[in-house]
């Protein structure tokens, strides 16, 4: 957990609870958002790695989401923080 997300599980939960009620995570439009915890995990992966793993393509493939979603989730988390 810590190796991939760069946080202990306790710290992850602290951050999740801190941001989960932010308006940026409110459902707007036809498509539902992924859970805040999933968006946070993806954002932490994007922000926490260097080299080839920072590419949206690599993370998107690993997490089963589109490259555009990776950027969107990361932007939401950064806004909420």
PDB file of N, CA and C in Angstrom:
ATOM      1  N   UNK A   1       0.833  -1.202   0.000  1.00  0.00           N
ATOM      2  CA  UNK A   1       0.000   0.000   0.000  1.00  0.00           C
ATOM      3  C   UNK A   1       0.868   1.251   0.000  1.00  0.00           C
ATOM      4  N   UNK A   2       1.780   1.315   0.967  1.00  0.00           N
ATOM      5  CA  UNK A   2       2.629   2.503   1.105  1.00  0.00           C
ATOM      6  C   UNK A   2       3.573   2.653  -0.085  1.00  0.00           C
ATOM      7  N   UNK A   3       4.048   1.537  -0.601  1.00  0.00           N
ATOM      8  CA  UNK A   3       4.981   1.578  -1.730  1.00  0.00           C
ATOM      9  C   UNK A   3       4.302   2.147  -2.978  1.00  0.00           C
ATOM     10  N   UNK A   4       3.037   1.821  -3.170  1.00  0.00           N
ATOM     11  CA  UNK A   4       2.328   2.263  -4.373  1.00  0.00           C
ATOM     12  C   UNK A   4       1.750   3.667  -4.209  1.00  0.00           C
ATOM     13  N   UNK A   5       1.137   3.947  -3.070  1.00  0.00           N
ATOM     14  CA  UNK A   5       0.442   5.223  -2.883  1.00  0.00           C
ATOM     15  C   UNK A   5       1.244   6.260  -2.111  1.00  0.00           C
ATOM     16  N   UNK A   6       2.366   5.854  -1.555  1.00  0.00           N
ATOM     17  CA  UNK A   6       3.246   6.772  -0.805  1.00  0.00           C
ATOM     18  C   UNK A   6       2.633   7.282   0.484  1.00  0.00           C
ATOM     19  N   UNK A   7       1.628   6.583   1.000  1.00  0.00           N
ATOM     20  CA  UNK A   7       0.995   6.918   2.273  1.00  0.00           C
ATOM     21  C   UNK A   7       0.713   5.635   3.036  1.00  0.00           C
ATOM     22  N   UNK A   8       0.696   5.736   4.351  1.00  0.00           N
ATOM     23  CA  UNK A   8       0.236   4.601   5.148  1.00  0.00           C
ATOM     24  C   UNK A   8      -1.286   4.515   4.986  1.00  0.00           C
ATOM     25  N   UNK A   9      -1.878   3.368   5.256  1.00  0.00           N
ATOM     26  CA  UNK A   9      -3.340   3.283   5.178  1.00  0.00           C
ATOM     27  C   UNK A   9      -4.038   4.311   6.076  1.00  0.00           C
ATOM     28  N   UNK A  10      -3.478   4.573   7.237  1.00  0.00           N
ATOM     29  CA  UNK A  10      -4.066   5.555   8.155  1.00  0.00           C
ATOM     30  C   UNK A  10      -4.017   6.966   7.565  1.00  0.00           C
ATOM     31  N   UNK A  11      -2.900   7.316   6.961  1.00  0.00           N
ATOM     32  CA  UNK A  11      -2.772   8.634   6.347  1.00  0.00           C
ATOM     33  C   UNK A  11      -3.698   8.764   5.142  1.00  0.00           C
ATOM     34  N   UNK A  12      -3.826   7.684   4.377  1.00  0.00           N
ATOM     35  CA  UNK A  12      -4.746   7.689   3.240  1.00  0.00           C
ATOM     36  C   UNK A  12      -6.171   7.971   3.711  1.00  0.00           C
ATOM     37  N   UNK A  13      -6.599   7.291   4.752  1.00  0.00           N
ATOM     38  CA  UNK A  13      -7.952   7.489   5.284  1.00  0.00           C
ATOM     39  C   UNK A  13      -8.146   8.915   5.791  1.00  0.00           C
ATOM     40  N   UNK A  14      -7.119   9.470   6.420  1.00  0.00           N
ATOM     41  CA  UNK A  14      -7.181  10.847   6.898  1.00  0.00           C
ATOM     42  C   UNK A  14      -7.422  11.805   5.728  1.00  0.00           C
ATOM     43  N   UNK A  15      -6.643  11.643   4.666  1.00  0.00           N
ATOM     44  CA  UNK A  15      -6.779  12.515   3.496  1.00  0.00           C
ATOM     45  C   UNK A  15      -8.138  12.300   2.836  1.00  0.00           C
ATOM     46  N   UNK A  16      -8.563  11.045   2.695  1.00  0.00           N
ATOM     47  CA  UNK A  16      -9.857  10.747   2.078  1.00  0.00           C
ATOM     48  C   UNK A  16     -10.991  11.446   2.822  1.00  0.00           C
ATOM     49  N   UNK A  17     -10.975  11.324   4.142  1.00  0.00           N
ATOM     50  CA  UNK A  17     -12.022  11.960   4.949  1.00  0.00           C
ATOM     51  C   UNK A  17     -11.974  13.483   4.843  1.00  0.00           C
ATOM     52  N   UNK A  18     -10.764  14.002   4.691  1.00  0.00           N
ATOM     53  CA  UNK A  18     -10.588  15.441   4.603  1.00  0.00           C
ATOM     54  C   UNK A  18     -11.181  16.001   3.302  1.00  0.00           C
ATOM     55  N   UNK A  19     -11.089  15.243   2.210  1.00  0.00           N
ATOM     56  CA  UNK A  19     -11.510  15.779   0.912  1.00  0.00           C
ATOM     57  C   UNK A  19     -12.864  15.272   0.421  1.00  0.00           C
ATOM     58  N   UNK A  20     -13.397  14.208   1.009  1.00  0.00           N
ATOM     59  CA  UNK A  20     -14.563  13.542   0.422  1.00  0.00           C
ATOM     60  C   UNK A  20     -15.817  14.406   0.316  1.00  0.00           C
ATOM     61  N   UNK A  21     -15.959  15.414   1.126  1.00  0.00           N
ATOM     62  CA  UNK A  21     -17.153  16.269   1.073  1.00  0.00           C
ATOM     63  C   UNK A  21     -16.949  17.521   0.213  1.00  0.00           C
ATOM     64  N   UNK A  22     -15.795  17.641  -0.414  1.00  0.00           N
ATOM     65  CA  UNK A  22     -15.526  18.814  -1.245  1.00  0.00           C
ATOM     66  C   UNK A  22     -16.497  18.823  -2.433  1.00  0.00           C
ATOM     67  N   UNK A  23     -16.995  20.004  -2.805  1.00  0.00           N
ATOM     68  CA  UNK A  23     -17.953  20.099  -3.909  1.00  0.00           C
ATOM     69  C   UNK A  23     -17.446  19.547  -5.249  1.00  0.00           C
ATOM     70  N   UNK A  24     -16.151  19.498  -5.446  1.00  0.00           N
ATOM     71  CA  UNK A  24     -15.614  18.997  -6.712  1.00  0.00           C
ATOM     72  C   UNK A  24     -15.986  17.532  -6.946  1.00  0.00           C
ATOM     73  N   UNK A  25     -16.334  16.816  -5.875  1.00  0.00           N
ATOM     74  CA  UNK A  25     -16.715  15.408  -6.001  1.00  0.00           C
ATOM     75  C   UNK A  25     -18.222  15.196  -6.097  1.00  0.00           C
ATOM     76  N   UNK A  26     -18.995  16.284  -6.171  1.00  0.00           N
ATOM     77  CA  UNK A  26     -20.444  16.153  -6.326  1.00  0.00           C
ATOM     78  C   UNK A  26     -20.770  15.691  -7.736  1.00  0.00           C
ATOM     79  N   UNK A  27     -21.764  14.843  -7.845  1.00  0.00           N
ATOM     80  CA  UNK A  27     -22.191  14.304  -9.135  1.00  0.00           C
ATOM     81  C   UNK A  27     -22.877  15.395  -9.944  1.00  0.00           C
ATOM     82  N   UNK A  28     -22.360  15.619 -11.144  1.00  0.00           N
ATOM     83  CA  UNK A  28     -22.968  16.578 -12.061  1.00  0.00           C
ATOM     84  C   UNK A  28     -23.007  15.922 -13.440  1.00  0.00           C
ATOM     85  N   UNK A  29     -24.100  16.017 -14.093  1.00  0.00           N
ATOM     86  CA  UNK A  29     -24.201  15.444 -15.429  1.00  0.00           C
ATOM     87  C   UNK A  29     -24.725  14.024 -15.408  1.00  0.00           C
ATOM     88  N   UNK A  30     -24.603  13.357 -16.556  1.00  0.00           N
ATOM     89  CA  UNK A  30     -25.155  12.011 -16.720  1.00  0.00           C
ATOM     90  C   UNK A  30     -24.257  10.919 -16.162  1.00  0.00           C
ATOM     91  N   UNK A  31     -22.953  11.108 -16.252  1.00  0.00           N
ATOM     92  CA  UNK A  31     -22.020  10.065 -15.816  1.00  0.00           C
ATOM     93  C   UNK A  31     -21.675  10.221 -14.345  1.00  0.00           C
ATOM     94  N   UNK A  32     -21.719   9.115 -13.639  1.00  0.00           N
ATOM     95  CA  UNK A  32     -21.379   9.127 -12.215  1.00  0.00           C
ATOM     96  C   UNK A  32     -19.866   9.116 -12.053  1.00  0.00           C
ATOM     97  N   UNK A  33     -19.394   9.766 -11.006  1.00  0.00           N
ATOM     98  CA  UNK A  33     -17.969   9.754 -10.695  1.00  0.00           C
ATOM     99  C   UNK A  33     -17.612   8.464  -9.963  1.00  0.00           C
ATOM    100  N   UNK A  34     -16.354   8.087 -10.082  1.00  0.00           N
ATOM    101  CA  UNK A  34     -15.852   6.991  -9.252  1.00  0.00           C
ATOM    102  C   UNK A  34     -15.832   7.462  -7.802  1.00  0.00           C
ATOM    103  N   UNK A  35     -15.797   6.523  -6.888  1.00  0.00           N
ATOM    104  CA  UNK A  35     -15.711   6.864  -5.471  1.00  0.00           C
ATOM    105  C   UNK A  35     -14.484   7.738  -5.224  1.00  0.00           C
ATOM    106  N   UNK A  36     -14.591   8.597  -4.228  1.00  0.00           N
ATOM    107  CA  UNK A  36     -13.491   9.500  -3.888  1.00  0.00           C
ATOM    108  C   UNK A  36     -12.219   8.701  -3.594  1.00  0.00           C
ATOM    109  N   UNK A  37     -12.342   7.592  -2.899  1.00  0.00           N
ATOM    110  CA  UNK A  37     -11.145   6.820  -2.559  1.00  0.00           C
ATOM    111  C   UNK A  37     -10.433   6.297  -3.799  1.00  0.00           C
ATOM    112  N   UNK A  38     -11.171   5.938  -4.840  1.00  0.00           N
ATOM    113  CA  UNK A  38     -10.546   5.466  -6.074  1.00  0.00           C
ATOM    114  C   UNK A  38      -9.866   6.628  -6.793  1.00  0.00           C
ATOM    115  N   UNK A  39     -10.558   7.772  -6.847  1.00  0.00           N
ATOM    116  CA  UNK A  39      -9.949   8.942  -7.481  1.00  0.00           C
ATOM    117  C   UNK A  39      -8.693   9.368  -6.737  1.00  0.00           C
ATOM    118  N   UNK A  40      -8.721   9.290  -5.420  1.00  0.00           N
ATOM    119  CA  UNK A  40      -7.548   9.641  -4.618  1.00  0.00           C
ATOM    120  C   UNK A  40      -6.401   8.675  -4.881  1.00  0.00           C
ATOM    121  N   UNK A  41      -6.686   7.396  -4.936  1.00  0.00           N
ATOM    122  CA  UNK A  41      -5.635   6.404  -5.228  1.00  0.00           C
ATOM    123  C   UNK A  41      -4.993   6.684  -6.576  1.00  0.00           C
ATOM    124  N   UNK A  42      -5.810   6.947  -7.581  1.00  0.00           N
ATOM    125  CA  UNK A  42      -5.280   7.217  -8.920  1.00  0.00           C
ATOM    126  C   UNK A  42      -4.440   8.490  -8.912  1.00  0.00           C
ATOM    127  N   UNK A  43      -4.926   9.537  -8.255  1.00  0.00           N
ATOM    128  CA  UNK A  43      -4.173  10.794  -8.185  1.00  0.00           C
ATOM    129  C   UNK A  43      -2.841  10.596  -7.460  1.00  0.00           C
ATOM    130  N   UNK A  44      -2.854   9.850  -6.374  1.00  0.00           N
ATOM    131  CA  UNK A  44      -1.608   9.607  -5.639  1.00  0.00           C
ATOM    132  C   UNK A  44      -0.610   8.823  -6.478  1.00  0.00           C
ATOM    133  N   UNK A  45      -1.108   7.884  -7.254  1.00  0.00           N
ATOM    134  CA  UNK A  45      -0.214   7.144  -8.143  1.00  0.00           C
ATOM    135  C   UNK A  45       0.407   8.092  -9.161  1.00  0.00           C
ATOM    136  N   UNK A  46      -0.411   8.967  -9.709  1.00  0.00           N
ATOM    137  CA  UNK A  46       0.070   9.916 -10.709  1.00  0.00           C
ATOM    138  C   UNK A  46       1.084  10.883 -10.112  1.00  0.00           C
ATOM    139  N   UNK A  47       0.806  11.365  -8.917  1.00  0.00           N
ATOM    140  CA  UNK A  47       1.687  12.340  -8.276  1.00  0.00           C
ATOM    141  C   UNK A  47       2.910  11.705  -7.622  1.00  0.00           C
ATOM    142  N   UNK A  48       2.821  10.427  -7.277  1.00  0.00           N
ATOM    143  CA  UNK A  48       3.872   9.804  -6.486  1.00  0.00           C
ATOM    144  C   UNK A  48       4.950   9.060  -7.232  1.00  0.00           C
ATOM    145  N   UNK A  49       4.755   8.837  -8.506  1.00  0.00           N
ATOM    146  CA  UNK A  49       5.735   8.075  -9.274  1.00  0.00           C
ATOM    147  C   UNK A  49       6.491   8.962 -10.230  1.00  0.00           C
ATOM    148  N   UNK A  50       7.681   8.502 -10.590  1.00  0.00           N
ATOM    149  CA  UNK A  50       8.437   9.194 -11.631  1.00  0.00           C
ATOM    150  C   UNK A  50       8.759   8.190 -12.729  1.00  0.00           C
ATOM    151  N   UNK A  51       9.359   8.662 -13.783  1.00  0.00           N
ATOM    152  CA  UNK A  51       9.693   7.752 -14.866  1.00  0.00           C
ATOM    153  C   UNK A  51       8.465   7.340 -15.649  1.00  0.00           C
ATOM    154  N   UNK A  52       8.485   6.128 -16.169  1.00  0.00           N
ATOM    155  CA  UNK A  52       7.421   5.685 -17.066  1.00  0.00           C
ATOM    156  C   UNK A  52       6.077   5.535 -16.370  1.00  0.00           C
ATOM    157  N   UNK A  53       6.066   5.339 -15.054  1.00  0.00           N
ATOM    158  CA  UNK A  53       4.801   5.146 -14.364  1.00  0.00           C
ATOM    159  C   UNK A  53       3.988   6.423 -14.228  1.00  0.00           C
ATOM    160  N   UNK A  54       4.596   7.580 -14.492  1.00  0.00           N
ATOM    161  CA  UNK A  54       3.821   8.805 -14.410  1.00  0.00           C
ATOM    162  C   UNK A  54       3.004   9.038 -15.660  1.00  0.00           C
ATOM    163  N   UNK A  55       3.267   8.276 -16.704  1.00  0.00           N
ATOM    164  CA  UNK A  55       2.470   8.490 -17.908  1.00  0.00           C
ATOM    165  C   UNK A  55       1.023   8.101 -17.632  1.00  0.00           C
ATOM    166  N   UNK A  56       0.128   8.927 -18.122  1.00  0.00           N
ATOM    167  CA  UNK A  56      -1.288   8.637 -17.942  1.00  0.00           C
ATOM    168  C   UNK A  56      -1.648   7.292 -18.556  1.00  0.00           C
ATOM    169  N   UNK A  57      -0.984   6.952 -19.646  1.00  0.00           N
ATOM    170  CA  UNK A  57      -1.265   5.692 -20.326  1.00  0.00           C
ATOM    171  C   UNK A  57      -0.973   4.495 -19.425  1.00  0.00           C
ATOM    172  N   UNK A  58       0.167   4.504 -18.748  1.00  0.00           N
ATOM    173  CA  UNK A  58       0.532   3.382 -17.879  1.00  0.00           C
ATOM    174  C   UNK A  58      -0.424   3.246 -16.701  1.00  0.00           C
ATOM    175  N   UNK A  59      -0.748   4.358 -16.070  1.00  0.00           N
ATOM    176  CA  UNK A  59      -1.657   4.328 -14.917  1.00  0.00           C
ATOM    177  C   UNK A  59      -3.066   3.972 -15.371  1.00  0.00           C
ATOM    178  N   UNK A  60      -3.495   4.515 -16.507  1.00  0.00           N
ATOM    179  CA  UNK A  60      -4.827   4.194 -17.029  1.00  0.00           C
ATOM    180  C   UNK A  60      -4.954   2.702 -17.287  1.00  0.00           C
ATOM    181  N   UNK A  61      -3.942   2.115 -17.890  1.00  0.00           N
ATOM    182  CA  UNK A  61      -3.966   0.681 -18.147  1.00  0.00           C
ATOM    183  C   UNK A  61      -3.991  -0.139 -16.878  1.00  0.00           C
ATOM    184  N   UNK A  62      -3.249   0.291 -15.887  1.00  0.00           N
ATOM    185  CA  UNK A  62      -3.180  -0.417 -14.614  1.00  0.00           C
ATOM    186  C   UNK A  62      -4.507  -0.322 -13.850  1.00  0.00           C
ATOM    187  N   UNK A  63      -5.175   0.835 -13.936  1.00  0.00           N
ATOM    188  CA  UNK A  63      -6.385   1.075 -13.150  1.00  0.00           C
ATOM    189  C   UNK A  63      -7.672   0.863 -13.943  1.00  0.00           C
ATOM    190  N   UNK A  64      -7.565   0.640 -15.258  1.00  0.00           N
ATOM    191  CA  UNK A  64      -8.745   0.372 -16.064  1.00  0.00           C
ATOM    192  C   UNK A  64      -9.620   1.578 -16.338  1.00  0.00           C
ATOM    193  N   UNK A  65      -8.998   2.743 -16.446  1.00  0.00           N
ATOM    194  CA  UNK A  65      -9.724   3.971 -16.775  1.00  0.00           C
ATOM    195  C   UNK A  65      -9.017   4.664 -17.936  1.00  0.00           C
ATOM    196  N   UNK A  66      -9.654   5.666 -18.516  1.00  0.00           N
ATOM    197  CA  UNK A  66      -9.045   6.366 -19.645  1.00  0.00           C
ATOM    198  C   UNK A  66      -7.969   7.343 -19.176  1.00  0.00           C
ATOM    199  N   UNK A  67      -7.110   7.722 -20.105  1.00  0.00           N
ATOM    200  CA  UNK A  67      -6.060   8.696 -19.788  1.00  0.00           C
ATOM    201  C   UNK A  67      -6.665  10.037 -19.378  1.00  0.00           C
ATOM    202  N   UNK A  68      -7.746  10.440 -20.039  1.00  0.00           N
ATOM    203  CA  UNK A  68      -8.412  11.687 -19.683  1.00  0.00           C
ATOM    204  C   UNK A  68      -8.957  11.661 -18.263  1.00  0.00           C
ATOM    205  N   UNK A  69      -9.427  10.495 -17.850  1.00  0.00           N
ATOM    206  CA  UNK A  69      -9.946  10.360 -16.481  1.00  0.00           C
ATOM    207  C   UNK A  69      -8.827  10.516 -15.459  1.00  0.00           C
ATOM    208  N   UNK A  70      -7.644  10.024 -15.770  1.00  0.00           N
ATOM    209  CA  UNK A  70      -6.506  10.158 -14.852  1.00  0.00           C
ATOM    210  C   UNK A  70      -6.254  11.628 -14.559  1.00  0.00           C
ATOM    211  N   UNK A  71      -6.199  12.438 -15.614  1.00  0.00           N
ATOM    212  CA  UNK A  71      -5.971  13.874 -15.431  1.00  0.00           C
ATOM    213  C   UNK A  71      -7.119  14.504 -14.647  1.00  0.00           C
ATOM    214  N   UNK A  72      -8.354  14.133 -14.981  1.00  0.00           N
ATOM    215  CA  UNK A  72      -9.523  14.698 -14.301  1.00  0.00           C
ATOM    216  C   UNK A  72      -9.514  14.361 -12.808  1.00  0.00           C
ATOM    217  N   UNK A  73      -9.239  13.105 -12.470  1.00  0.00           N
ATOM    218  CA  UNK A  73      -9.216  12.693 -11.061  1.00  0.00           C
ATOM    219  C   UNK A  73      -8.105  13.410 -10.294  1.00  0.00           C
ATOM    220  N   UNK A  74      -6.950  13.524 -10.927  1.00  0.00           N
ATOM    221  CA  UNK A  74      -5.820  14.204 -10.286  1.00  0.00           C
ATOM    222  C   UNK A  74      -6.148  15.670 -10.057  1.00  0.00           C
ATOM    223  N   UNK A  75      -6.739  16.318 -11.056  1.00  0.00           N
ATOM    224  CA  UNK A  75      -7.139  17.723 -10.909  1.00  0.00           C
ATOM    225  C   UNK A  75      -8.145  17.895  -9.772  1.00  0.00           C
ATOM    226  N   UNK A  76      -9.117  16.975  -9.674  1.00  0.00           N
ATOM    227  CA  UNK A  76     -10.125  17.063  -8.604  1.00  0.00           C
ATOM    228  C   UNK A  76      -9.467  16.953  -7.233  1.00  0.00           C
ATOM    229  N   UNK A  77      -8.593  15.985  -7.078  1.00  0.00           N
ATOM    230  CA  UNK A  77      -7.947  15.771  -5.778  1.00  0.00           C
ATOM    231  C   UNK A  77      -7.101  16.981  -5.401  1.00  0.00           C
ATOM    232  N   UNK A  78      -6.340  17.503  -6.344  1.00  0.00           N
ATOM    233  CA  UNK A  78      -5.507  18.676  -6.064  1.00  0.00           C
ATOM    234  C   UNK A  78      -6.384  19.867  -5.696  1.00  0.00           C
ATOM    235  N   UNK A  79      -7.491  20.051  -6.383  1.00  0.00           N
ATOM    236  CA  UNK A  79      -8.421  21.134  -6.058  1.00  0.00           C
ATOM    237  C   UNK A  79      -8.963  20.960  -4.635  1.00  0.00           C
ATOM    238  N   UNK A  80      -9.347  19.739  -4.292  1.00  0.00           N
ATOM    239  CA  UNK A  80      -9.919  19.481  -2.967  1.00  0.00           C
ATOM    240  C   UNK A  80      -8.894  19.685  -1.854  1.00  0.00           C
ATOM    241  N   UNK A  81      -7.641  19.398  -2.145  1.00  0.00           N
ATOM    242  CA  UNK A  81      -6.602  19.593  -1.129  1.00  0.00           C
ATOM    243  C   UNK A  81      -6.322  21.071  -0.931  1.00  0.00           C
TER     244      UNK A  81
END
